């Protein structure tokens, strides 16, 4: 499974990094209602679109948890995040847990 950098939006700054993974039948826009309430001084959030959703809707893949878990690591690597937390809803929680929450490399 080849990873690619998931479409994502960044909110906030340092020091704690967080990747937000949406649930089934959603996209990163599902986080829209809580974005105004995010603590942007203590955290930086990367809210992603998994393959098959949002801006990654047409991206080919097997659309499995394992593939999503690999994909979740790519934005962290691209952003230079060595340590980060993962939050997720429903399918996003499962995908995030499978990623291990530690950037590869």
N, C-alpha and C. Protein backbone atom coordinates (compact mmCIF):
# COMPACT_ATOMS: atom_id res chain seq x y z
N UNK A 1 0.84 -1.18 0.00
CA UNK A 1 0.00 0.00 0.00
C UNK A 1 0.88 1.24 0.00
N UNK A 2 0.79 2.01 -1.02
CA UNK A 2 1.53 3.26 -1.08
C UNK A 2 0.74 4.35 -0.39
N UNK A 3 1.42 5.13 0.44
CA UNK A 3 0.72 6.24 1.10
C UNK A 3 0.84 7.49 0.23
N UNK A 4 -0.02 8.42 0.48
CA UNK A 4 0.05 9.74 -0.13
C UNK A 4 -0.35 10.72 0.95
N UNK A 5 -0.08 11.98 0.73
CA UNK A 5 -0.40 12.97 1.75
C UNK A 5 -1.89 13.31 1.65
N UNK A 6 -2.62 12.94 2.68
CA UNK A 6 -4.05 13.20 2.71
C UNK A 6 -4.32 14.71 2.62
N UNK A 7 -5.37 15.09 1.90
CA UNK A 7 -5.76 16.50 1.95
C UNK A 7 -6.07 16.87 3.40
N UNK A 8 -5.58 18.02 3.83
CA UNK A 8 -5.77 18.41 5.23
C UNK A 8 -5.77 19.92 5.37
N UNK A 9 -6.29 20.36 6.50
CA UNK A 9 -6.22 21.77 6.87
C UNK A 9 -5.56 21.85 8.23
N UNK A 10 -4.79 22.91 8.43
CA UNK A 10 -4.10 23.12 9.70
C UNK A 10 -4.80 24.22 10.49
N UNK A 11 -4.87 24.01 11.79
CA UNK A 11 -5.44 25.00 12.70
C UNK A 11 -4.53 25.08 13.91
N UNK A 12 -4.15 26.28 14.30
CA UNK A 12 -3.39 26.48 15.52
C UNK A 12 -1.89 26.41 15.30
N UNK A 13 -1.19 26.41 16.43
CA UNK A 13 0.27 26.40 16.42
C UNK A 13 0.81 25.33 17.33
N UNK A 14 1.93 25.62 17.94
CA UNK A 14 2.61 24.64 18.78
C UNK A 14 2.02 24.61 20.17
N UNK A 15 2.43 23.72 21.06
CA UNK A 15 3.47 22.72 20.86
C UNK A 15 2.93 21.32 20.55
N UNK A 16 1.73 20.99 20.99
CA UNK A 16 1.21 19.63 20.84
C UNK A 16 0.52 19.47 19.49
N UNK A 17 0.90 18.45 18.75
CA UNK A 17 0.35 18.19 17.42
C UNK A 17 -0.76 17.14 17.51
N UNK A 18 -1.81 17.34 16.72
CA UNK A 18 -2.97 16.44 16.74
C UNK A 18 -3.47 16.24 15.30
N UNK A 19 -3.70 14.99 14.93
CA UNK A 19 -4.33 14.69 13.65
C UNK A 19 -5.76 14.27 13.94
N UNK A 20 -6.71 14.91 13.27
CA UNK A 20 -8.13 14.61 13.42
C UNK A 20 -8.62 13.81 12.23
N UNK A 21 -9.22 12.64 12.51
CA UNK A 21 -9.69 11.73 11.47
C UNK A 21 -11.21 11.59 11.58
N UNK A 22 -11.90 11.89 10.51
CA UNK A 22 -13.36 11.86 10.48
C UNK A 22 -13.91 10.43 10.46
N UNK A 23 -15.21 10.33 10.67
CA UNK A 23 -15.90 9.05 10.62
C UNK A 23 -16.44 8.75 9.24
N UNK A 24 -17.07 7.60 9.13
CA UNK A 24 -17.66 7.14 7.86
C UNK A 24 -18.72 8.13 7.37
N UNK A 25 -18.83 8.26 6.07
CA UNK A 25 -19.79 9.14 5.39
C UNK A 25 -19.59 10.61 5.73
N UNK A 26 -18.35 10.99 6.05
CA UNK A 26 -18.05 12.38 6.38
C UNK A 26 -16.76 12.76 5.68
N UNK A 27 -16.16 13.80 6.11
CA UNK A 27 -14.87 14.30 5.65
C UNK A 27 -14.37 15.23 6.74
N UNK A 28 -13.26 15.89 6.48
CA UNK A 28 -12.73 16.79 7.52
C UNK A 28 -13.71 17.91 7.84
N UNK A 29 -14.64 18.19 6.93
CA UNK A 29 -15.64 19.22 7.20
C UNK A 29 -16.53 18.86 8.39
N UNK A 30 -16.56 17.59 8.76
CA UNK A 30 -17.34 17.17 9.93
C UNK A 30 -16.82 17.82 11.21
N UNK A 31 -15.57 18.25 11.21
CA UNK A 31 -15.00 18.93 12.37
C UNK A 31 -15.38 20.40 12.41
N UNK A 32 -16.01 20.91 11.35
CA UNK A 32 -16.37 22.32 11.25
C UNK A 32 -17.02 22.91 12.48
N UNK A 33 -18.02 22.25 13.07
CA UNK A 33 -18.68 22.83 14.23
C UNK A 33 -17.78 23.02 15.46
N UNK A 34 -16.70 22.23 15.57
CA UNK A 34 -15.85 22.37 16.75
C UNK A 34 -14.60 23.20 16.50
N UNK A 35 -14.29 23.50 15.24
CA UNK A 35 -13.08 24.27 14.92
C UNK A 35 -13.00 25.57 15.72
N UNK A 36 -14.08 26.35 15.87
CA UNK A 36 -13.97 27.58 16.65
C UNK A 36 -13.60 27.35 18.12
N UNK A 37 -13.85 26.16 18.63
CA UNK A 37 -13.57 25.87 20.04
C UNK A 37 -12.22 25.21 20.28
N UNK A 38 -11.45 24.96 19.23
CA UNK A 38 -10.15 24.32 19.40
C UNK A 38 -9.17 25.25 20.11
N UNK A 39 -8.36 24.69 20.99
CA UNK A 39 -7.33 25.45 21.69
C UNK A 39 -6.13 25.56 20.74
N UNK A 40 -6.02 26.68 20.07
CA UNK A 40 -4.99 26.88 19.05
C UNK A 40 -3.67 27.37 19.62
N UNK A 41 -3.65 27.68 20.91
CA UNK A 41 -2.40 28.10 21.54
C UNK A 41 -1.60 26.90 22.02
N UNK A 42 -2.28 25.88 22.49
CA UNK A 42 -1.61 24.70 23.03
C UNK A 42 -1.46 23.58 22.01
N UNK A 43 -2.23 23.63 20.92
CA UNK A 43 -2.25 22.53 19.97
C UNK A 43 -2.19 23.04 18.54
N UNK A 44 -1.68 22.19 17.66
CA UNK A 44 -1.83 22.40 16.22
C UNK A 44 -2.54 21.16 15.68
N UNK A 45 -3.63 21.39 14.97
CA UNK A 45 -4.46 20.31 14.46
C UNK A 45 -4.31 20.20 12.96
N UNK A 46 -4.16 18.98 12.47
CA UNK A 46 -4.25 18.68 11.03
C UNK A 46 -5.50 17.84 10.87
N UNK A 47 -6.53 18.41 10.27
CA UNK A 47 -7.78 17.70 10.04
C UNK A 47 -7.73 17.15 8.62
N UNK A 48 -7.88 15.83 8.47
CA UNK A 48 -7.63 15.16 7.19
C UNK A 48 -8.91 14.64 6.53
N UNK A 49 -8.80 14.41 5.22
CA UNK A 49 -9.82 13.68 4.46
C UNK A 49 -9.21 12.33 4.09
N UNK A 50 -9.81 11.25 4.55
CA UNK A 50 -9.36 9.91 4.16
C UNK A 50 -9.72 9.63 2.71
N UNK A 51 -9.04 8.65 2.12
CA UNK A 51 -9.36 8.23 0.74
C UNK A 51 -10.85 7.92 0.64
N UNK A 52 -11.44 8.41 -0.42
CA UNK A 52 -12.86 8.15 -0.66
C UNK A 52 -13.78 9.20 -0.06
N UNK A 53 -13.21 10.21 0.61
CA UNK A 53 -14.01 11.23 1.28
C UNK A 53 -13.47 12.63 0.98
N UNK A 54 -14.35 13.62 1.00
CA UNK A 54 -13.93 15.01 0.84
C UNK A 54 -13.06 15.22 -0.38
N UNK A 55 -11.94 15.93 -0.19
CA UNK A 55 -11.03 16.23 -1.29
C UNK A 55 -10.26 15.00 -1.79
N UNK A 56 -10.34 13.89 -1.07
CA UNK A 56 -9.69 12.63 -1.49
C UNK A 56 -10.71 11.63 -2.04
N UNK A 57 -11.88 12.12 -2.39
CA UNK A 57 -12.97 11.24 -2.83
C UNK A 57 -12.58 10.36 -4.01
N UNK A 58 -11.91 10.89 -5.00
CA UNK A 58 -11.56 10.12 -6.18
C UNK A 58 -10.25 9.37 -6.10
N UNK A 59 -9.58 9.45 -4.96
CA UNK A 59 -8.27 8.80 -4.81
C UNK A 59 -8.44 7.29 -4.78
N UNK A 60 -7.73 6.55 -5.65
CA UNK A 60 -7.87 5.10 -5.65
C UNK A 60 -7.28 4.47 -4.38
N UNK A 61 -7.81 3.33 -4.04
CA UNK A 61 -7.32 2.60 -2.88
C UNK A 61 -8.24 1.45 -2.54
N UNK A 62 -7.91 0.77 -1.46
CA UNK A 62 -8.76 -0.33 -1.00
C UNK A 62 -9.72 0.15 0.09
N UNK A 63 -9.51 1.37 0.57
CA UNK A 63 -10.39 2.01 1.56
C UNK A 63 -10.55 1.17 2.82
N UNK A 64 -9.46 0.61 3.27
CA UNK A 64 -9.45 -0.22 4.48
C UNK A 64 -8.76 0.53 5.62
N UNK A 65 -9.01 0.07 6.84
CA UNK A 65 -8.42 0.69 8.03
C UNK A 65 -6.90 0.72 7.94
N UNK A 66 -6.30 -0.38 7.51
CA UNK A 66 -4.83 -0.45 7.44
C UNK A 66 -4.28 0.59 6.46
N UNK A 67 -4.94 0.74 5.33
CA UNK A 67 -4.50 1.73 4.35
C UNK A 67 -4.64 3.14 4.92
N UNK A 68 -5.77 3.41 5.56
CA UNK A 68 -5.98 4.72 6.18
C UNK A 68 -4.96 5.01 7.25
N UNK A 69 -4.58 4.00 8.01
CA UNK A 69 -3.60 4.18 9.08
C UNK A 69 -2.24 4.59 8.50
N UNK A 70 -1.85 3.98 7.40
CA UNK A 70 -0.60 4.37 6.74
C UNK A 70 -0.73 5.79 6.21
N UNK A 71 -1.86 6.09 5.60
CA UNK A 71 -2.09 7.42 5.05
C UNK A 71 -2.07 8.51 6.13
N UNK A 72 -2.56 8.21 7.32
CA UNK A 72 -2.60 9.19 8.40
C UNK A 72 -1.19 9.62 8.80
N UNK A 73 -0.21 8.76 8.62
CA UNK A 73 1.17 9.11 8.97
C UNK A 73 1.80 10.09 7.98
N UNK A 74 1.35 10.08 6.74
CA UNK A 74 1.99 10.91 5.71
C UNK A 74 1.94 12.41 6.00
N UNK A 75 0.79 12.98 6.41
CA UNK A 75 0.82 14.42 6.72
C UNK A 75 1.78 14.74 7.86
N UNK A 76 1.86 13.86 8.87
CA UNK A 76 2.78 14.10 9.98
C UNK A 76 4.22 14.11 9.48
N UNK A 77 4.56 13.17 8.62
CA UNK A 77 5.91 13.14 8.06
C UNK A 77 6.19 14.41 7.26
N UNK A 78 5.24 14.79 6.42
CA UNK A 78 5.41 15.98 5.57
C UNK A 78 5.57 17.24 6.41
N UNK A 79 4.86 17.31 7.52
CA UNK A 79 4.91 18.48 8.40
C UNK A 79 6.09 18.42 9.38
N UNK A 80 6.81 17.31 9.40
CA UNK A 80 7.94 17.16 10.30
C UNK A 80 7.55 16.86 11.73
N UNK A 81 6.35 16.33 11.92
CA UNK A 81 5.89 15.99 13.26
C UNK A 81 6.46 14.64 13.68
N UNK A 82 7.31 14.64 14.70
CA UNK A 82 7.87 13.39 15.20
C UNK A 82 6.95 12.73 16.21
N UNK A 83 6.19 13.54 16.93
CA UNK A 83 5.23 13.03 17.93
C UNK A 83 3.91 13.76 17.73
N UNK A 84 2.83 13.01 17.86
CA UNK A 84 1.51 13.62 17.72
C UNK A 84 0.46 12.70 18.32
N UNK A 85 -0.67 13.29 18.59
CA UNK A 85 -1.83 12.53 19.04
C UNK A 85 -2.79 12.40 17.88
N UNK A 86 -3.69 11.42 17.98
CA UNK A 86 -4.71 11.22 16.96
C UNK A 86 -6.06 11.21 17.64
N UNK A 87 -6.99 11.99 17.07
CA UNK A 87 -8.37 11.93 17.53
C UNK A 87 -9.21 11.48 16.35
N UNK A 88 -10.25 10.76 16.63
CA UNK A 88 -11.09 10.29 15.54
C UNK A 88 -12.49 9.96 16.02
N UNK A 89 -13.40 10.01 15.09
CA UNK A 89 -14.79 9.67 15.37
C UNK A 89 -15.13 8.40 14.61
N UNK A 90 -15.71 7.42 15.29
CA UNK A 90 -16.19 6.21 14.65
C UNK A 90 -15.06 5.55 13.86
N UNK A 91 -15.22 5.40 12.56
CA UNK A 91 -14.20 4.79 11.71
C UNK A 91 -12.86 5.53 11.85
N UNK A 92 -12.91 6.84 12.05
CA UNK A 92 -11.69 7.63 12.21
C UNK A 92 -10.93 7.27 13.47
N UNK A 93 -11.65 6.92 14.53
CA UNK A 93 -10.99 6.47 15.76
C UNK A 93 -10.26 5.16 15.55
N UNK A 94 -10.90 4.27 14.84
CA UNK A 94 -10.28 2.97 14.56
C UNK A 94 -9.06 3.16 13.66
N UNK A 95 -9.19 3.98 12.64
CA UNK A 95 -8.08 4.25 11.72
C UNK A 95 -6.93 4.92 12.46
N UNK A 96 -7.24 5.90 13.28
CA UNK A 96 -6.22 6.59 14.05
C UNK A 96 -5.50 5.68 15.01
N UNK A 97 -6.23 4.79 15.67
CA UNK A 97 -5.61 3.84 16.58
C UNK A 97 -4.66 2.92 15.86
N UNK A 98 -5.03 2.51 14.67
CA UNK A 98 -4.19 1.61 13.88
C UNK A 98 -2.91 2.30 13.42
N UNK A 99 -2.91 3.66 13.35
CA UNK A 99 -1.73 4.38 12.89
C UNK A 99 -0.63 4.37 13.93
N UNK A 100 -0.98 4.14 15.17
CA UNK A 100 0.01 4.12 16.23
C UNK A 100 0.34 5.48 16.81
N UNK A 101 -0.06 6.55 16.14
CA UNK A 101 0.16 7.89 16.68
C UNK A 101 1.61 8.33 16.72
N UNK A 102 2.49 7.65 15.99
CA UNK A 102 3.88 8.05 15.92
C UNK A 102 4.28 8.14 14.46
N UNK A 103 4.87 9.24 14.07
CA UNK A 103 5.24 9.43 12.66
C UNK A 103 6.30 8.42 12.25
N UNK A 104 6.16 7.92 11.05
CA UNK A 104 7.13 6.96 10.51
C UNK A 104 8.40 7.68 10.12
N UNK A 105 9.48 6.94 10.10
CA UNK A 105 10.74 7.52 9.62
C UNK A 105 11.56 7.97 10.75
